[in-house]
């Protein structure tokens, strides 16, 4: 079953937690893949976040935890056992590899029922020569150069 309410998501044109270039890439990725997934989440905090220790008021701890979790740009799900972590970049460099590997590990650790997590980096362009590094790590790269606003290229 495709992602419900996809029209509203695509019309909004904004992926929470991203800049305008990353949002444009994310919308392009969703336009291409929305029928492959059941649901989508944006700007997803993963892992435990910081623990300030005993004696800290609960509201302070809650805020500290939420603000220090690594945040995945997009997580998509197919049923209860398959997910995809999508990192968005206007220009893909080596840093996105670390991010998507970290996020996929944390997602799987937080959700042990997941049997498979796809690792995807979507961008407008990629640093020449690093494609094989991503391939070796099992990360899919998808480029959407036409999605970027003209002033970004």
N, C-alpha and C. Protein backbone atom coordinates (compact mmCIF):
# COMPACT_ATOMS: atom_id res chain seq x y z
N UNK A 1 0.84 -1.18 0.00
CA UNK A 1 0.00 0.00 0.00
C UNK A 1 0.88 1.24 0.00
N UNK A 2 0.69 2.17 -0.91
CA UNK A 2 1.51 3.38 -1.00
C UNK A 2 1.31 4.30 0.21
N UNK A 3 2.24 5.21 0.38
CA UNK A 3 2.19 6.16 1.49
C UNK A 3 0.89 6.96 1.41
N UNK A 4 0.09 6.94 2.50
CA UNK A 4 -1.14 7.73 2.49
C UNK A 4 -0.83 9.23 2.56
N UNK A 5 -1.72 10.04 2.08
CA UNK A 5 -1.61 11.50 2.13
C UNK A 5 -0.37 12.03 1.38
N UNK A 6 0.11 11.27 0.41
CA UNK A 6 1.32 11.69 -0.31
C UNK A 6 1.11 13.01 -1.04
N UNK A 7 -0.08 13.26 -1.53
CA UNK A 7 -0.34 14.52 -2.24
C UNK A 7 -0.08 15.72 -1.35
N UNK A 8 -0.54 15.65 -0.11
CA UNK A 8 -0.32 16.76 0.83
C UNK A 8 1.16 16.94 1.13
N UNK A 9 1.87 15.83 1.27
CA UNK A 9 3.31 15.90 1.55
C UNK A 9 4.04 16.54 0.37
N UNK A 10 3.74 16.08 -0.84
CA UNK A 10 4.41 16.60 -2.02
C UNK A 10 4.04 18.06 -2.28
N UNK A 11 2.79 18.41 -2.04
CA UNK A 11 2.35 19.79 -2.26
C UNK A 11 3.03 20.75 -1.28
N UNK A 12 3.22 20.30 -0.03
CA UNK A 12 3.88 21.14 0.97
C UNK A 12 5.30 21.50 0.50
N UNK A 13 5.97 20.55 -0.13
CA UNK A 13 7.29 20.82 -0.68
C UNK A 13 8.40 21.03 0.33
N UNK A 14 8.15 20.68 1.59
CA UNK A 14 9.13 20.88 2.65
C UNK A 14 9.29 19.59 3.44
N UNK A 15 10.54 19.19 3.65
CA UNK A 15 10.84 18.06 4.51
C UNK A 15 11.30 18.67 5.83
N UNK A 16 10.57 18.44 6.93
CA UNK A 16 10.95 19.04 8.21
C UNK A 16 12.40 18.71 8.59
N UNK A 17 13.11 19.71 9.09
CA UNK A 17 14.48 19.52 9.54
C UNK A 17 15.53 19.65 8.45
N UNK A 18 15.11 19.99 7.23
CA UNK A 18 16.08 20.13 6.14
C UNK A 18 16.03 21.55 5.57
N UNK A 19 17.09 21.90 4.83
CA UNK A 19 17.10 23.20 4.16
C UNK A 19 16.36 23.08 2.83
N UNK A 20 16.26 24.18 2.08
CA UNK A 20 15.46 24.17 0.85
C UNK A 20 16.02 23.21 -0.20
N UNK A 21 17.34 23.08 -0.29
CA UNK A 21 17.92 22.16 -1.27
C UNK A 21 17.64 20.70 -0.90
N UNK A 22 17.84 20.38 0.37
CA UNK A 22 17.57 19.01 0.81
C UNK A 22 16.08 18.68 0.69
N UNK A 23 15.22 19.64 1.00
CA UNK A 23 13.77 19.42 0.82
C UNK A 23 13.45 19.12 -0.63
N UNK A 24 14.04 19.87 -1.56
CA UNK A 24 13.79 19.65 -2.98
C UNK A 24 14.23 18.24 -3.39
N UNK A 25 15.37 17.80 -2.89
CA UNK A 25 15.86 16.44 -3.17
C UNK A 25 14.91 15.42 -2.56
N UNK A 26 14.49 15.64 -1.33
CA UNK A 26 13.58 14.72 -0.65
C UNK A 26 12.24 14.59 -1.35
N UNK A 27 11.70 15.70 -1.81
CA UNK A 27 10.43 15.66 -2.54
C UNK A 27 10.61 14.89 -3.85
N UNK A 28 11.73 15.12 -4.54
CA UNK A 28 12.00 14.37 -5.78
C UNK A 28 12.12 12.87 -5.50
N UNK A 29 12.79 12.52 -4.41
CA UNK A 29 12.93 11.10 -4.06
C UNK A 29 11.56 10.50 -3.75
N UNK A 30 10.74 11.21 -2.97
CA UNK A 30 9.41 10.71 -2.64
C UNK A 30 8.53 10.56 -3.88
N UNK A 31 8.62 11.51 -4.80
CA UNK A 31 7.84 11.41 -6.04
C UNK A 31 8.17 10.12 -6.79
N UNK A 32 9.43 9.74 -6.75
CA UNK A 32 9.86 8.54 -7.46
C UNK A 32 9.50 7.24 -6.72
N UNK A 33 9.52 7.27 -5.40
CA UNK A 33 9.44 6.02 -4.63
C UNK A 33 8.22 5.87 -3.73
N UNK A 34 7.29 6.80 -3.71
CA UNK A 34 6.22 6.77 -2.72
C UNK A 34 5.35 5.51 -2.78
N UNK A 35 5.24 4.88 -3.94
CA UNK A 35 4.40 3.68 -4.04
C UNK A 35 5.07 2.42 -3.50
N UNK A 36 6.37 2.50 -3.21
CA UNK A 36 7.11 1.35 -2.72
C UNK A 36 7.02 1.17 -1.21
N UNK A 37 6.49 2.17 -0.51
CA UNK A 37 6.52 2.19 0.95
C UNK A 37 5.13 2.43 1.52
N UNK A 38 4.90 1.96 2.76
CA UNK A 38 3.61 2.10 3.44
C UNK A 38 3.47 3.41 4.21
N UNK A 39 4.57 3.87 4.78
CA UNK A 39 4.52 5.09 5.58
C UNK A 39 5.88 5.77 5.59
N UNK A 40 5.86 7.04 5.99
CA UNK A 40 7.07 7.85 5.98
C UNK A 40 7.12 8.70 7.24
N UNK A 41 8.32 8.92 7.76
CA UNK A 41 8.55 9.82 8.88
C UNK A 41 9.70 10.75 8.50
N UNK A 42 9.66 11.97 9.04
CA UNK A 42 10.67 12.97 8.72
C UNK A 42 11.39 13.42 10.00
N UNK A 43 12.69 13.75 9.85
CA UNK A 43 13.47 14.33 10.94
C UNK A 43 13.35 13.46 12.20
N UNK A 44 13.67 12.18 12.05
CA UNK A 44 13.45 11.18 13.09
C UNK A 44 14.66 11.09 14.02
N UNK A 45 14.41 11.34 15.32
CA UNK A 45 15.46 11.18 16.32
C UNK A 45 15.70 9.71 16.60
N UNK A 46 16.97 9.32 16.60
CA UNK A 46 17.35 7.92 16.80
C UNK A 46 18.35 7.81 17.94
N UNK A 47 18.34 6.66 18.61
CA UNK A 47 19.28 6.44 19.69
C UNK A 47 18.79 7.06 21.00
N UNK A 48 19.63 6.97 22.03
CA UNK A 48 19.18 7.39 23.36
C UNK A 48 19.25 8.89 23.63
N UNK A 49 20.08 9.63 22.95
CA UNK A 49 20.28 11.04 23.31
C UNK A 49 21.09 11.13 24.59
N UNK A 50 21.31 12.34 25.06
CA UNK A 50 22.14 12.55 26.24
C UNK A 50 21.33 12.28 27.52
N UNK A 51 22.02 11.75 28.52
CA UNK A 51 21.43 11.55 29.84
C UNK A 51 22.12 12.51 30.79
N UNK A 52 21.38 13.44 31.34
CA UNK A 52 21.96 14.46 32.22
C UNK A 52 22.15 13.98 33.65
N UNK A 53 21.69 12.78 33.94
CA UNK A 53 21.92 12.21 35.26
C UNK A 53 20.80 12.50 36.25
N UNK A 54 20.97 11.95 37.45
CA UNK A 54 19.94 12.11 38.48
C UNK A 54 19.85 13.56 38.96
N UNK A 55 18.68 13.91 39.45
CA UNK A 55 18.47 15.24 40.01
C UNK A 55 18.06 16.30 39.00
N UNK A 56 18.07 15.96 37.73
CA UNK A 56 17.67 16.91 36.69
C UNK A 56 16.16 16.82 36.53
N UNK A 57 15.47 17.96 36.49
CA UNK A 57 14.01 17.90 36.29
C UNK A 57 13.65 17.14 35.01
N UNK A 58 12.54 16.42 35.07
CA UNK A 58 12.12 15.58 33.95
C UNK A 58 11.97 16.37 32.67
N UNK A 59 11.43 17.59 32.74
CA UNK A 59 11.23 18.38 31.52
C UNK A 59 12.56 18.79 30.90
N UNK A 60 13.57 19.03 31.72
CA UNK A 60 14.90 19.38 31.20
C UNK A 60 15.52 18.15 30.53
N UNK A 61 15.41 16.99 31.20
CA UNK A 61 15.95 15.75 30.62
C UNK A 61 15.27 15.43 29.31
N UNK A 62 13.94 15.56 29.25
CA UNK A 62 13.20 15.26 28.03
C UNK A 62 13.67 16.15 26.88
N UNK A 63 13.84 17.43 27.15
CA UNK A 63 14.31 18.36 26.12
C UNK A 63 15.73 18.04 25.68
N UNK A 64 16.60 17.74 26.63
CA UNK A 64 18.00 17.41 26.31
C UNK A 64 18.08 16.13 25.48
N UNK A 65 17.28 15.15 25.84
CA UNK A 65 17.27 13.89 25.10
C UNK A 65 16.83 14.14 23.66
N UNK A 66 15.72 14.84 23.49
CA UNK A 66 15.18 15.08 22.15
C UNK A 66 16.14 15.88 21.29
N UNK A 67 16.80 16.87 21.86
CA UNK A 67 17.64 17.75 21.06
C UNK A 67 19.01 17.16 20.74
N UNK A 68 19.40 16.07 21.40
CA UNK A 68 20.73 15.51 21.15
C UNK A 68 20.70 14.18 20.41
N UNK A 69 19.53 13.71 20.04
CA UNK A 69 19.47 12.48 19.24
C UNK A 69 19.89 12.80 17.81
N UNK A 70 20.68 11.92 17.19
CA UNK A 70 20.93 12.08 15.75
C UNK A 70 19.60 12.01 15.01
N UNK A 71 19.44 12.81 13.96
CA UNK A 71 18.16 12.89 13.25
C UNK A 71 18.30 12.45 11.80
N UNK A 72 17.56 11.41 11.44
CA UNK A 72 17.51 10.94 10.05
C UNK A 72 16.54 11.82 9.28
N UNK A 73 16.90 12.21 8.06
CA UNK A 73 16.04 13.07 7.26
C UNK A 73 14.71 12.39 6.95
N UNK A 74 14.76 11.18 6.41
CA UNK A 74 13.55 10.43 6.05
C UNK A 74 13.74 8.97 6.44
N UNK A 75 12.69 8.41 7.03
CA UNK A 75 12.63 6.96 7.23
C UNK A 75 11.31 6.50 6.62
N UNK A 76 11.42 5.51 5.76
CA UNK A 76 10.24 4.92 5.13
C UNK A 76 10.12 3.47 5.60
N UNK A 77 8.89 2.98 5.62
CA UNK A 77 8.63 1.61 6.09
C UNK A 77 7.78 0.85 5.10
N UNK A 78 8.04 -0.44 5.04
CA UNK A 78 7.21 -1.38 4.29
C UNK A 78 6.84 -2.48 5.28
N UNK A 79 5.60 -2.45 5.73
CA UNK A 79 5.18 -3.39 6.76
C UNK A 79 5.91 -3.12 8.06
N UNK A 80 6.06 -4.19 8.86
CA UNK A 80 6.72 -4.05 10.17
C UNK A 80 8.17 -4.49 10.16
N UNK A 81 8.65 -4.98 9.01
CA UNK A 81 9.97 -5.61 9.03
C UNK A 81 10.98 -5.03 8.06
N UNK A 82 10.58 -4.05 7.25
CA UNK A 82 11.50 -3.45 6.27
C UNK A 82 11.42 -1.93 6.37
N UNK A 83 12.59 -1.30 6.38
CA UNK A 83 12.64 0.16 6.45
C UNK A 83 13.75 0.66 5.54
N UNK A 84 13.69 1.93 5.25
CA UNK A 84 14.74 2.59 4.49
C UNK A 84 15.09 3.90 5.17
N UNK A 85 16.38 4.15 5.32
CA UNK A 85 16.87 5.42 5.85
C UNK A 85 17.37 6.22 4.66
N UNK A 86 16.82 7.42 4.48
CA UNK A 86 17.19 8.26 3.35
C UNK A 86 17.84 9.54 3.87
N UNK A 87 19.10 9.72 3.55
CA UNK A 87 19.82 10.94 3.90
C UNK A 87 19.82 11.84 2.67
N UNK A 88 19.55 13.12 2.89
CA UNK A 88 19.42 14.08 1.79
C UNK A 88 20.60 15.05 1.79
N UNK A 89 21.19 15.25 0.62
CA UNK A 89 22.31 16.18 0.48
C UNK A 89 22.23 16.87 -0.88
N UNK A 90 22.49 18.17 -0.91
CA UNK A 90 22.59 18.85 -2.20
C UNK A 90 23.79 18.30 -2.95
N UNK A 91 24.93 18.16 -2.27
CA UNK A 91 26.14 17.58 -2.86
C UNK A 91 26.61 16.48 -1.92
N UNK A 92 26.64 15.26 -2.41
CA UNK A 92 27.02 14.10 -1.59
C UNK A 92 28.53 14.03 -1.48
N UNK A 93 29.00 13.97 -0.25
CA UNK A 93 30.43 13.77 0.02
C UNK A 93 30.56 12.56 0.94
N UNK A 94 31.73 12.35 1.48
CA UNK A 94 31.95 11.20 2.36
C UNK A 94 31.18 11.26 3.66
N UNK A 95 30.85 12.45 4.13
CA UNK A 95 30.18 12.57 5.43
C UNK A 95 28.80 11.91 5.44
N UNK A 96 28.09 11.94 4.33
CA UNK A 96 26.76 11.34 4.27
C UNK A 96 26.83 9.82 4.48
N UNK A 97 27.95 9.21 4.12
CA UNK A 97 28.11 7.78 4.32
C UNK A 97 28.08 7.45 5.81
N UNK A 98 28.82 8.19 6.59
CA UNK A 98 28.81 7.98 8.04
C UNK A 98 27.44 8.20 8.64
N UNK A 99 26.76 9.23 8.16
CA UNK A 99 25.42 9.51 8.68
C UNK A 99 24.46 8.37 8.40
N UNK A 100 24.37 7.93 7.16
CA UNK A 100 23.37 6.90 6.81
C UNK A 100 23.71 5.57 7.47
N UNK A 101 24.99 5.24 7.63
CA UNK A 101 25.35 4.01 8.32
C UNK A 101 25.00 4.09 9.80
N UNK A 102 25.27 5.23 10.41
CA UNK A 102 24.92 5.43 11.82
C UNK A 102 23.41 5.35 12.03
N UNK A 103 22.66 6.07 11.21
CA UNK A 103 21.21 6.09 11.35
C UNK A 103 20.60 4.71 11.14
N UNK A 104 21.10 3.97 10.16
CA UNK A 104 20.53 2.64 9.92
C UNK A 104 20.82 1.70 11.09
N UNK A 105 22.01 1.81 11.66
CA UNK A 105 22.35 0.98 12.82
C UNK A 105 21.45 1.33 14.02
N UNK A 106 21.30 2.63 14.30
CA UNK A 106 20.46 3.06 15.42
C UNK A 106 19.00 2.68 15.21
N UNK A 107 18.51 2.82 13.98
CA UNK A 107 17.13 2.45 13.68
C UNK A 107 16.91 0.97 13.95
N UNK A 108 17.83 0.14 13.51
CA UNK A 108 17.68 -1.30 13.70
C UNK A 108 17.80 -1.66 15.18
N UNK A 109 18.70 -0.99 15.89
CA UNK A 109 18.83 -1.24 17.33
C UNK A 109 17.57 -0.82 18.09
N UNK A 110 16.98 0.30 17.69
CA UNK A 110 15.75 0.79 18.34
C UNK A 110 14.52 -0.03 17.95
N UNK A 111 14.59 -0.74 16.82
CA UNK A 111 13.46 -1.51 16.29
C UNK A 111 13.92 -2.92 15.91
N UNK A 112 14.11 -3.79 16.89
CA UNK A 112 14.67 -5.12 16.60
C UNK A 112 13.81 -5.99 15.69
N UNK A 113 12.53 -5.62 15.48
CA UNK A 113 11.68 -6.40 14.57
C UNK A 113 12.04 -6.17 13.11
N UNK A 114 12.80 -5.12 12.82
CA UNK A 114 13.20 -4.86 11.43
C UNK A 114 14.17 -5.93 10.96
N UNK A 115 13.84 -6.56 9.86
CA UNK A 115 14.70 -7.59 9.29
C UNK A 115 15.65 -7.01 8.26
N UNK A 116 15.27 -5.88 7.66
CA UNK A 116 16.10 -5.26 6.64
C UNK A 116 15.95 -3.75 6.71
N UNK A 117 17.09 -3.07 6.61
CA UNK A 117 17.09 -1.60 6.54
C UNK A 117 17.90 -1.20 5.31
N UNK A 118 17.23 -0.59 4.35
CA UNK A 118 17.91 -0.07 3.17
C UNK A 118 18.58 1.25 3.53
N UNK A 119 19.77 1.43 3.02
CA UNK A 119 20.53 2.66 3.26
C UNK A 119 20.60 3.42 1.94
N UNK A 120 20.07 4.66 1.94
CA UNK A 120 19.94 5.44 0.71
C UNK A 120 20.44 6.86 0.97
N UNK A 121 21.23 7.37 0.05
CA UNK A 121 21.60 8.78 0.07
C UNK A 121 21.13 9.38 -1.25
N UNK A 122 20.30 10.41 -1.13
CA UNK A 122 19.78 11.10 -2.31
C UNK A 122 20.38 12.49 -2.36
N UNK A 123 20.80 12.89 -3.55
CA UNK A 123 21.43 14.20 -3.67
C UNK A 123 21.27 14.80 -5.05
N UNK A 124 21.77 16.02 -5.16
CA UNK A 124 21.76 16.70 -6.45
C UNK A 124 22.99 16.37 -7.27
N UNK A 125 24.09 16.13 -6.57
CA UNK A 125 25.35 15.76 -7.23
C UNK A 125 26.19 14.99 -6.21
N UNK A 126 27.31 14.44 -6.69
CA UNK A 126 28.18 13.66 -5.81
C UNK A 126 29.64 14.01 -6.11
N UNK A 127 30.44 14.04 -5.09
CA UNK A 127 31.86 14.27 -5.22
C UNK A 127 32.44 13.17 -6.11
N UNK A 128 33.14 13.56 -7.14
CA UNK A 128 33.67 12.61 -8.11
C UNK A 128 34.57 11.57 -7.44
N UNK A 129 34.34 10.31 -7.79
CA UNK A 129 35.21 9.22 -7.36
C UNK A 129 34.82 8.50 -6.09
N UNK A 130 33.75 8.93 -5.40
CA UNK A 130 33.41 8.24 -4.15
C UNK A 130 32.24 7.28 -4.28
N UNK A 131 31.69 7.15 -5.47
CA UNK A 131 30.55 6.26 -5.67
C UNK A 131 30.86 4.83 -5.21
N UNK A 132 32.07 4.34 -5.51
CA UNK A 132 32.42 2.96 -5.17
C UNK A 132 32.53 2.76 -3.66
N UNK A 133 32.86 3.79 -2.92
CA UNK A 133 32.93 3.69 -1.46
C UNK A 133 31.52 3.41 -0.92
N UNK A 134 30.55 4.14 -1.42
CA UNK A 134 29.16 3.92 -1.02
C UNK A 134 28.70 2.53 -1.42
N UNK A 135 29.02 2.15 -2.64
CA UNK A 135 28.63 0.84 -3.15
C UNK A 135 29.20 -0.27 -2.27
N UNK A 136 30.47 -0.14 -1.90
CA UNK A 136 31.14 -1.13 -1.06
C UNK A 136 30.45 -1.25 0.31
N UNK A 137 29.90 -0.15 0.82
CA UNK A 137 29.23 -0.13 2.12
C UNK A 137 27.76 -0.54 2.02
N UNK A 138 27.28 -0.86 0.82
CA UNK A 138 25.89 -1.28 0.65
C UNK A 138 24.90 -0.14 0.68
N UNK A 139 25.35 1.05 0.31
CA UNK A 139 24.49 2.23 0.31
C UNK A 139 24.13 2.58 -1.12
N UNK A 140 22.85 2.80 -1.36
CA UNK A 140 22.35 3.20 -2.67
C UNK A 140 22.44 4.71 -2.80
N UNK A 141 22.97 5.18 -3.92
CA UNK A 141 23.01 6.62 -4.21
C UNK A 141 22.00 6.90 -5.31
N UNK A 142 21.21 7.95 -5.12
CA UNK A 142 20.29 8.40 -6.16
C UNK A 142 20.48 9.89 -6.35
N UNK A 143 20.65 10.29 -7.60
CA UNK A 143 20.88 11.70 -7.91
C UNK A 143 19.66 12.32 -8.58
N UNK A 144 19.36 13.54 -8.14
CA UNK A 144 18.23 14.32 -8.67
C UNK A 144 18.71 15.74 -8.97
N UNK A 145 19.60 15.89 -9.95
CA UNK A 145 20.16 17.23 -10.22
C UNK A 145 19.13 18.26 -10.65
N UNK A 146 18.08 17.84 -11.27
CA UNK A 146 17.06 18.79 -11.74
C UNK A 146 16.15 19.27 -10.61
N UNK A 147 16.23 18.63 -9.46
CA UNK A 147 15.37 19.01 -8.33
C UNK A 147 15.86 20.29 -7.64
N UNK A 148 17.15 20.57 -7.76
CA UNK A 148 17.71 21.72 -7.06
C UNK A 148 17.29 23.03 -7.72
N UNK A 149 16.98 24.05 -6.90
CA UNK A 149 16.69 25.36 -7.46
C UNK A 149 17.88 25.85 -8.29
N UNK A 150 17.62 26.63 -9.32
CA UNK A 150 18.67 27.08 -10.24
C UNK A 150 19.81 27.79 -9.52
N UNK A 151 19.54 28.51 -8.46
CA UNK A 151 20.60 29.24 -7.74
C UNK A 151 21.50 28.34 -6.95
N UNK A 152 21.16 27.03 -6.81
CA UNK A 152 21.94 26.10 -6.01
C UNK A 152 22.96 25.33 -6.83
N UNK A 153 22.84 25.36 -8.14
CA UNK A 153 23.71 24.53 -8.97
C UNK A 153 24.97 25.25 -9.36
